[in-house]
């Protein structure tokens, strides 16, 4: 079934929006990031479309989240025989 599904689905793109507002011991901060993920035959590409807000949140939270997502996609891609692309 996976083979039939992958043959029928040639490519698709998804946009994800990440938002975080922090209020705590270290003060307050907020950030948002829009990321597009393109899936095609044998390829996976993650691209940051836009980002705004706290550089600390962008670099320490969102970019780490994208690294983890890329690693998870890499494991899934290896299982399916595809490779993710860098941001």
PDB file of N, CA and C in Angstrom:
ATOM      1  N   UNK A   1       0.820  -1.186   0.000  1.00  0.00           N
ATOM      2  CA  UNK A   1       0.000   0.000   0.000  1.00  0.00           C
ATOM      3  C   UNK A   1       0.870   1.259   0.000  1.00  0.00           C
ATOM      4  N   UNK A   2       1.979   1.259   0.776  1.00  0.00           N
ATOM      5  CA  UNK A   2       2.861   2.418   0.783  1.00  0.00           C
ATOM      6  C   UNK A   2       3.430   2.696  -0.597  1.00  0.00           C
ATOM      7  N   UNK A   3       3.807   1.654  -1.306  1.00  0.00           N
ATOM      8  CA  UNK A   3       4.352   1.817  -2.650  1.00  0.00           C
ATOM      9  C   UNK A   3       3.301   2.414  -3.581  1.00  0.00           C
ATOM     10  N   UNK A   4       2.079   1.920  -3.522  1.00  0.00           N
ATOM     11  CA  UNK A   4       1.005   2.464  -4.352  1.00  0.00           C
ATOM     12  C   UNK A   4       0.738   3.928  -4.017  1.00  0.00           C
ATOM     13  N   UNK A   5       0.733   4.258  -2.722  1.00  0.00           N
ATOM     14  CA  UNK A   5       0.480   5.621  -2.279  1.00  0.00           C
ATOM     15  C   UNK A   5       1.595   6.548  -2.753  1.00  0.00           C
ATOM     16  N   UNK A   6       2.842   6.132  -2.620  1.00  0.00           N
ATOM     17  CA  UNK A   6       3.963   6.981  -3.029  1.00  0.00           C
ATOM     18  C   UNK A   6       4.004   7.165  -4.540  1.00  0.00           C
ATOM     19  N   UNK A   7       3.585   6.174  -5.302  1.00  0.00           N
ATOM     20  CA  UNK A   7       3.538   6.310  -6.753  1.00  0.00           C
ATOM     21  C   UNK A   7       2.420   7.257  -7.180  1.00  0.00           C
ATOM     22  N   UNK A   8       1.310   7.247  -6.461  1.00  0.00           N
ATOM     23  CA  UNK A   8       0.178   8.106  -6.806  1.00  0.00           C
ATOM     24  C   UNK A   8       0.422   9.561  -6.414  1.00  0.00           C
ATOM     25  N   UNK A   9       1.167   9.789  -5.348  1.00  0.00           N
ATOM     26  CA  UNK A   9       1.421  11.136  -4.848  1.00  0.00           C
ATOM     27  C   UNK A   9       2.789  11.598  -5.341  1.00  0.00           C
ATOM     28  N   UNK A  10       2.803  12.509  -6.298  1.00  0.00           N
ATOM     29  CA  UNK A  10       4.062  12.939  -6.907  1.00  0.00           C
ATOM     30  C   UNK A  10       4.802  13.947  -6.042  1.00  0.00           C
ATOM     31  N   UNK A  11       4.127  14.981  -5.581  1.00  0.00           N
ATOM     32  CA  UNK A  11       4.770  16.005  -4.765  1.00  0.00           C
ATOM     33  C   UNK A  11       3.694  16.810  -4.045  1.00  0.00           C
ATOM     34  N   UNK A  12       4.077  17.370  -2.907  1.00  0.00           N
ATOM     35  CA  UNK A  12       3.181  18.272  -2.216  1.00  0.00           C
ATOM     36  C   UNK A  12       3.987  19.205  -1.330  1.00  0.00           C
ATOM     37  N   UNK A  13       3.358  20.320  -0.926  1.00  0.00           N
ATOM     38  CA  UNK A  13       4.011  21.331  -0.098  1.00  0.00           C
ATOM     39  C   UNK A  13       3.095  21.661   1.070  1.00  0.00           C
ATOM     40  N   UNK A  14       3.717  21.867   2.229  1.00  0.00           N
ATOM     41  CA  UNK A  14       2.993  22.204   3.444  1.00  0.00           C
ATOM     42  C   UNK A  14       3.666  23.424   4.057  1.00  0.00           C
ATOM     43  N   UNK A  15       2.875  24.362   4.566  1.00  0.00           N
ATOM     44  CA  UNK A  15       3.422  25.492   5.313  1.00  0.00           C
ATOM     45  C   UNK A  15       3.062  25.310   6.774  1.00  0.00           C
ATOM     46  N   UNK A  16       4.050  25.531   7.636  1.00  0.00           N
ATOM     47  CA  UNK A  16       3.850  25.415   9.072  1.00  0.00           C
ATOM     48  C   UNK A  16       4.162  26.753   9.706  1.00  0.00           C
ATOM     49  N   UNK A  17       3.363  27.158  10.691  1.00  0.00           N
ATOM     50  CA  UNK A  17       3.599  28.400  11.413  1.00  0.00           C
ATOM     51  C   UNK A  17       3.907  28.040  12.858  1.00  0.00           C
ATOM     52  N   UNK A  18       5.050  28.492  13.332  1.00  0.00           N
ATOM     53  CA  UNK A  18       5.451  28.295  14.723  1.00  0.00           C
ATOM     54  C   UNK A  18       5.341  29.632  15.431  1.00  0.00           C
ATOM     55  N   UNK A  19       4.682  29.653  16.589  1.00  0.00           N
ATOM     56  CA  UNK A  19       4.564  30.871  17.393  1.00  0.00           C
ATOM     57  C   UNK A  19       4.831  30.518  18.843  1.00  0.00           C
ATOM     58  N   UNK A  20       5.542  31.414  19.528  1.00  0.00           N
ATOM     59  CA  UNK A  20       5.823  31.198  20.937  1.00  0.00           C
ATOM     60  C   UNK A  20       5.840  32.541  21.643  1.00  0.00           C
ATOM     61  N   UNK A  21       5.123  32.608  22.754  1.00  0.00           N
ATOM     62  CA  UNK A  21       5.157  33.774  23.629  1.00  0.00           C
ATOM     63  C   UNK A  21       5.646  33.286  24.983  1.00  0.00           C
ATOM     64  N   UNK A  22       6.666  33.947  25.509  1.00  0.00           N
ATOM     65  CA  UNK A  22       7.265  33.541  26.779  1.00  0.00           C
ATOM     66  C   UNK A  22       7.064  34.647  27.806  1.00  0.00           C
ATOM     67  N   UNK A  23       6.596  34.274  28.997  1.00  0.00           N
ATOM     68  CA  UNK A  23       6.534  35.178  30.140  1.00  0.00           C
ATOM     69  C   UNK A  23       7.009  34.383  31.339  1.00  0.00           C
ATOM     70  N   UNK A  24       8.113  34.800  31.905  1.00  0.00           N
ATOM     71  CA  UNK A  24       8.627  34.032  33.029  1.00  0.00           C
ATOM     72  C   UNK A  24       9.755  34.728  33.742  1.00  0.00           C
ATOM     73  N   UNK A  25      10.564  33.938  34.387  1.00  0.00           N
ATOM     74  CA  UNK A  25      11.664  34.423  35.213  1.00  0.00           C
ATOM     75  C   UNK A  25      12.621  35.338  34.448  1.00  0.00           C
ATOM     76  N   UNK A  26      12.899  35.004  33.208  1.00  0.00           N
ATOM     77  CA  UNK A  26      13.872  35.764  32.414  1.00  0.00           C
ATOM     78  C   UNK A  26      13.245  36.966  31.707  1.00  0.00           C
ATOM     79  N   UNK A  27      11.964  37.253  31.952  1.00  0.00           N
ATOM     80  CA  UNK A  27      11.303  38.377  31.305  1.00  0.00           C
ATOM     81  C   UNK A  27      10.241  37.878  30.342  1.00  0.00           C
ATOM     82  N   UNK A  28      10.067  38.623  29.243  1.00  0.00           N
ATOM     83  CA  UNK A  28       9.070  38.237  28.255  1.00  0.00           C
ATOM     84  C   UNK A  28       9.707  38.235  26.870  1.00  0.00           C
ATOM     85  N   UNK A  29       9.100  37.517  25.969  1.00  0.00           N
ATOM     86  CA  UNK A  29       9.575  37.473  24.593  1.00  0.00           C
ATOM     87  C   UNK A  29       8.570  36.732  23.731  1.00  0.00           C
ATOM     88  N   UNK A  30       8.613  37.018  22.446  1.00  0.00           N
ATOM     89  CA  UNK A  30       7.720  36.343  21.509  1.00  0.00           C
ATOM     90  C   UNK A  30       8.432  36.239  20.165  1.00  0.00           C
ATOM     91  N   UNK A  31       8.069  35.211  19.413  1.00  0.00           N
ATOM     92  CA  UNK A  31       8.645  35.021  18.085  1.00  0.00           C
ATOM     93  C   UNK A  31       7.695  34.177  17.252  1.00  0.00           C
ATOM     94  N   UNK A  32       7.853  34.298  15.939  1.00  0.00           N
ATOM     95  CA  UNK A  32       7.102  33.446  15.023  1.00  0.00           C
ATOM     96  C   UNK A  32       7.975  33.124  13.818  1.00  0.00           C
ATOM     97  N   UNK A  33       7.696  31.985  13.215  1.00  0.00           N
ATOM     98  CA  UNK A  33       8.457  31.525  12.057  1.00  0.00           C
ATOM     99  C   UNK A  33       7.521  30.747  11.140  1.00  0.00           C
ATOM    100  N   UNK A  34       7.632  31.015   9.838  1.00  0.00           N
ATOM    101  CA  UNK A  34       6.868  30.277   8.835  1.00  0.00           C
ATOM    102  C   UNK A  34       7.853  29.408   8.062  1.00  0.00           C
ATOM    103  N   UNK A  35       7.569  28.115   7.996  1.00  0.00           N
ATOM    104  CA  UNK A  35       8.449  27.150   7.344  1.00  0.00           C
ATOM    105  C   UNK A  35       7.643  26.395   6.296  1.00  0.00           C
ATOM    106  N   UNK A  36       8.222  26.247   5.103  1.00  0.00           N
ATOM    107  CA  UNK A  36       7.562  25.414   4.095  1.00  0.00           C
ATOM    108  C   UNK A  36       8.319  24.103   3.984  1.00  0.00           C
ATOM    109  N   UNK A  37       7.561  23.044   3.837  1.00  0.00           N
ATOM    110  CA  UNK A  37       8.131  21.708   3.660  1.00  0.00           C
ATOM    111  C   UNK A  37       7.634  21.192   2.317  1.00  0.00           C
ATOM    112  N   UNK A  38       8.571  20.862   1.442  1.00  0.00           N
ATOM    113  CA  UNK A  38       8.225  20.334   0.127  1.00  0.00           C
ATOM    114  C   UNK A  38       8.658  18.876   0.054  1.00  0.00           C
ATOM    115  N   UNK A  39       7.722  18.030  -0.306  1.00  0.00           N
ATOM    116  CA  UNK A  39       7.970  16.607  -0.429  1.00  0.00           C
ATOM    117  C   UNK A  39       7.794  16.227  -1.887  1.00  0.00           C
ATOM    118  N   UNK A  40       8.793  15.596  -2.453  1.00  0.00           N
ATOM    119  CA  UNK A  40       8.723  15.152  -3.842  1.00  0.00           C
ATOM    120  C   UNK A  40       9.320  13.771  -3.954  1.00  0.00           C
ATOM    121  N   UNK A  41       9.348  13.233  -5.143  1.00  0.00           N
ATOM    122  CA  UNK A  41       9.934  11.907  -5.326  1.00  0.00           C
ATOM    123  C   UNK A  41      11.413  11.903  -4.916  1.00  0.00           C
ATOM    124  N   UNK A  42      11.715  11.273  -3.818  1.00  0.00           N
ATOM    125  CA  UNK A  42      13.093  11.161  -3.366  1.00  0.00           C
ATOM    126  C   UNK A  42      13.655  12.378  -2.680  1.00  0.00           C
ATOM    127  N   UNK A  43      12.849  13.422  -2.417  1.00  0.00           N
ATOM    128  CA  UNK A  43      13.371  14.627  -1.778  1.00  0.00           C
ATOM    129  C   UNK A  43      12.424  15.161  -0.712  1.00  0.00           C
ATOM    130  N   UNK A  44      13.017  15.798   0.292  1.00  0.00           N
ATOM    131  CA  UNK A  44      12.291  16.520   1.322  1.00  0.00           C
ATOM    132  C   UNK A  44      13.081  17.801   1.558  1.00  0.00           C
ATOM    133  N   UNK A  45      12.426  18.965   1.427  1.00  0.00           N
ATOM    134  CA  UNK A  45      13.107  20.240   1.599  1.00  0.00           C
ATOM    135  C   UNK A  45      12.368  21.086   2.619  1.00  0.00           C
ATOM    136  N   UNK A  46      13.072  21.562   3.654  1.00  0.00           N
ATOM    137  CA  UNK A  46      12.521  22.486   4.640  1.00  0.00           C
ATOM    138  C   UNK A  46      13.131  23.859   4.387  1.00  0.00           C
ATOM    139  N   UNK A  47      12.282  24.884   4.263  1.00  0.00           N
ATOM    140  CA  UNK A  47      12.753  26.237   3.983  1.00  0.00           C
ATOM    141  C   UNK A  47      12.069  27.218   4.919  1.00  0.00           C
ATOM    142  N   UNK A  48      12.868  28.073   5.586  1.00  0.00           N
ATOM    143  CA  UNK A  48      12.317  29.126   6.422  1.00  0.00           C
ATOM    144  C   UNK A  48      11.847  30.242   5.499  1.00  0.00           C
ATOM    145  N   UNK A  49      10.538  30.513   5.499  1.00  0.00           N
ATOM    146  CA  UNK A  49       9.967  31.553   4.650  1.00  0.00           C
ATOM    147  C   UNK A  49      10.079  32.929   5.306  1.00  0.00           C
ATOM    148  N   UNK A  50       9.819  32.996   6.607  1.00  0.00           N
ATOM    149  CA  UNK A  50       9.937  34.260   7.333  1.00  0.00           C
ATOM    150  C   UNK A  50      10.091  33.972   8.812  1.00  0.00           C
ATOM    151  N   UNK A  51      10.656  34.932   9.520  1.00  0.00           N
ATOM    152  CA  UNK A  51      10.794  34.822  10.965  1.00  0.00           C
ATOM    153  C   UNK A  51      10.814  36.224  11.551  1.00  0.00           C
ATOM    154  N   UNK A  52      10.295  36.351  12.760  1.00  0.00           N
ATOM    155  CA  UNK A  52      10.294  37.644  13.428  1.00  0.00           C
ATOM    156  C   UNK A  52      10.247  37.420  14.928  1.00  0.00           C
ATOM    157  N   UNK A  53      10.697  38.441  15.651  1.00  0.00           N
ATOM    158  CA  UNK A  53      10.628  38.388  17.105  1.00  0.00           C
ATOM    159  C   UNK A  53      11.970  38.123  17.749  1.00  0.00           C
ATOM    160  N   UNK A  54      11.920  37.578  18.936  1.00  0.00           N
ATOM    161  CA  UNK A  54      13.093  37.339  19.774  1.00  0.00           C
ATOM    162  C   UNK A  54      14.104  36.427  19.086  1.00  0.00           C
ATOM    163  N   UNK A  55      15.316  36.933  18.917  1.00  0.00           N
ATOM    164  CA  UNK A  55      16.390  36.130  18.315  1.00  0.00           C
ATOM    165  C   UNK A  55      16.708  34.918  19.192  1.00  0.00           C
ATOM    166  N   UNK A  56      16.604  35.085  20.502  1.00  0.00           N
ATOM    167  CA  UNK A  56      16.865  33.977  21.419  1.00  0.00           C
ATOM    168  C   UNK A  56      15.873  32.833  21.173  1.00  0.00           C
ATOM    169  N   UNK A  57      14.599  33.156  21.063  1.00  0.00           N
ATOM    170  CA  UNK A  57      13.586  32.128  20.797  1.00  0.00           C
ATOM    171  C   UNK A  57      13.793  31.524  19.414  1.00  0.00           C
ATOM    172  N   UNK A  58      14.063  32.375  18.424  1.00  0.00           N
ATOM    173  CA  UNK A  58      14.271  31.868  17.065  1.00  0.00           C
ATOM    174  C   UNK A  58      15.433  30.885  17.012  1.00  0.00           C
ATOM    175  N   UNK A  59      16.554  31.242  17.641  1.00  0.00           N
ATOM    176  CA  UNK A  59      17.758  30.413  17.548  1.00  0.00           C
ATOM    177  C   UNK A  59      17.764  29.233  18.512  1.00  0.00           C
ATOM    178  N   UNK A  60      17.265  29.425  19.718  1.00  0.00           N
ATOM    179  CA  UNK A  60      17.355  28.370  20.733  1.00  0.00           C
ATOM    180  C   UNK A  60      16.151  27.440  20.752  1.00  0.00           C
ATOM    181  N   UNK A  61      15.025  27.888  20.231  1.00  0.00           N
ATOM    182  CA  UNK A  61      13.824  27.047  20.262  1.00  0.00           C
ATOM    183  C   UNK A  61      13.446  26.581  18.859  1.00  0.00           C
ATOM    184  N   UNK A  62      13.143  27.533  17.967  1.00  0.00           N
ATOM    185  CA  UNK A  62      12.632  27.156  16.651  1.00  0.00           C
ATOM    186  C   UNK A  62      13.672  26.429  15.808  1.00  0.00           C
ATOM    187  N   UNK A  63      14.903  26.906  15.795  1.00  0.00           N
ATOM    188  CA  UNK A  63      15.917  26.231  14.973  1.00  0.00           C
ATOM    189  C   UNK A  63      16.236  24.846  15.520  1.00  0.00           C
ATOM    190  N   UNK A  64      16.199  24.684  16.843  1.00  0.00           N
ATOM    191  CA  UNK A  64      16.381  23.348  17.436  1.00  0.00           C
ATOM    192  C   UNK A  64      15.201  22.448  17.066  1.00  0.00           C
ATOM    193  N   UNK A  65      14.008  23.014  17.060  1.00  0.00           N
ATOM    194  CA  UNK A  65      12.822  22.267  16.665  1.00  0.00           C
ATOM    195  C   UNK A  65      12.936  21.804  15.213  1.00  0.00           C
ATOM    196  N   UNK A  66      13.410  22.691  14.337  1.00  0.00           N
ATOM    197  CA  UNK A  66      13.581  22.326  12.932  1.00  0.00           C
ATOM    198  C   UNK A  66      14.666  21.268  12.758  1.00  0.00           C
ATOM    199  N   UNK A  67      15.736  21.339  13.560  1.00  0.00           N
ATOM    200  CA  UNK A  67      16.775  20.303  13.511  1.00  0.00           C
ATOM    201  C   UNK A  67      16.182  18.952  13.891  1.00  0.00           C
ATOM    202  N   UNK A  68      15.374  18.930  14.942  1.00  0.00           N
ATOM    203  CA  UNK A  68      14.746  17.675  15.374  1.00  0.00           C
ATOM    204  C   UNK A  68      13.779  17.163  14.307  1.00  0.00           C
ATOM    205  N   UNK A  69      13.032  18.077  13.689  1.00  0.00           N
ATOM    206  CA  UNK A  69      12.112  17.673  12.627  1.00  0.00           C
ATOM    207  C   UNK A  69      12.882  17.125  11.434  1.00  0.00           C
ATOM    208  N   UNK A  70      13.987  17.775  11.083  1.00  0.00           N
ATOM    209  CA  UNK A  70      14.819  17.316   9.970  1.00  0.00           C
ATOM    210  C   UNK A  70      15.395  15.936  10.275  1.00  0.00           C
ATOM    211  N   UNK A  71      15.826  15.708  11.517  1.00  0.00           N
ATOM    212  CA  UNK A  71      16.346  14.392  11.897  1.00  0.00           C
ATOM    213  C   UNK A  71      15.247  13.338  11.814  1.00  0.00           C
ATOM    214  N   UNK A  72      14.050  13.673  12.290  1.00  0.00           N
ATOM    215  CA  UNK A  72      12.934  12.728  12.225  1.00  0.00           C
ATOM    216  C   UNK A  72      12.582  12.422  10.774  1.00  0.00           C
ATOM    217  N   UNK A  73      12.568  13.455   9.933  1.00  0.00           N
ATOM    218  CA  UNK A  73      12.310  13.235   8.506  1.00  0.00           C
ATOM    219  C   UNK A  73      13.423  12.407   7.882  1.00  0.00           C
ATOM    220  N   UNK A  74      14.656  12.599   8.356  1.00  0.00           N
ATOM    221  CA  UNK A  74      15.784  11.834   7.840  1.00  0.00           C
ATOM    222  C   UNK A  74      15.650  10.356   8.137  1.00  0.00           C
ATOM    223  N   UNK A  75      15.206  10.031   9.341  1.00  0.00           N
ATOM    224  CA  UNK A  75      14.995   8.625   9.710  1.00  0.00           C
ATOM    225  C   UNK A  75      13.885   8.038   8.856  1.00  0.00           C
ATOM    226  N   UNK A  76      12.787   8.794   8.706  1.00  0.00           N
ATOM    227  CA  UNK A  76      11.669   8.327   7.872  1.00  0.00           C
ATOM    228  C   UNK A  76      12.105   8.228   6.418  1.00  0.00           C
ATOM    229  N   UNK A  77      12.907   9.196   5.957  1.00  0.00           N
ATOM    230  CA  UNK A  77      13.365   9.198   4.569  1.00  0.00           C
ATOM    231  C   UNK A  77      14.273   7.996   4.295  1.00  0.00           C
ATOM    232  N   UNK A  78      15.140   7.675   5.253  1.00  0.00           N
ATOM    233  CA  UNK A  78      16.018   6.518   5.073  1.00  0.00           C
ATOM    234  C   UNK A  78      15.188   5.248   4.952  1.00  0.00           C
ATOM    235  N   UNK A  79      14.134   5.179   5.741  1.00  0.00           N
ATOM    236  CA  UNK A  79      13.253   4.015   5.694  1.00  0.00           C
ATOM    237  C   UNK A  79      12.577   3.907   4.332  1.00  0.00           C
ATOM    238  N   UNK A  80      12.247   5.080   3.731  1.00  0.00           N
ATOM    239  CA  UNK A  80      11.563   5.093   2.442  1.00  0.00           C
ATOM    240  C   UNK A  80      12.508   5.260   1.266  1.00  0.00           C
ATOM    241  N   UNK A  81      13.792   5.484   1.535  1.00  0.00           N
ATOM    242  CA  UNK A  81      14.753   5.643   0.452  1.00  0.00           C
ATOM    243  C   UNK A  81      14.868   7.034  -0.106  1.00  0.00           C
ATOM    244  N   UNK A  82      14.503   8.077   0.675  1.00  0.00           N
ATOM    245  CA  UNK A  82      14.649   9.468   0.256  1.00  0.00           C
ATOM    246  C   UNK A  82      15.610  10.182   1.188  1.00  0.00           C
ATOM    247  N   UNK A  83      16.010  11.380   0.864  1.00  0.00           N
ATOM    248  CA  UNK A  83      16.922  12.161   1.690  1.00  0.00           C
ATOM    249  C   UNK A  83      16.390  13.566   1.914  1.00  0.00           C
ATOM    250  N   UNK A  84      16.409  14.080   3.174  1.00  0.00           N
ATOM    251  CA  UNK A  84      15.992  15.463   3.420  1.00  0.00           C
ATOM    252  C   UNK A  84      17.095  16.434   3.014  1.00  0.00           C
ATOM    253  N   UNK A  85      16.711  17.637   2.612  1.00  0.00           N
ATOM    254  CA  UNK A  85      17.661  18.683   2.274  1.00  0.00           C
ATOM    255  C   UNK A  85      17.832  19.609   3.461  1.00  0.00           C
ATOM    256  N   UNK A  86      18.974  20.272   3.535  1.00  0.00           N
ATOM    257  CA  UNK A  86      19.230  21.240   4.608  1.00  0.00           C
ATOM    258  C   UNK A  86      18.372  22.470   4.432  1.00  0.00           C
ATOM    259  N   UNK A  87      18.214  23.224   5.516  1.00  0.00           N
ATOM    260  CA  UNK A  87      17.462  24.478   5.468  1.00  0.00           C
ATOM    261  C   UNK A  87      18.215  25.535   4.721  1.00  0.00           C
TER     262      UNK A  87
END
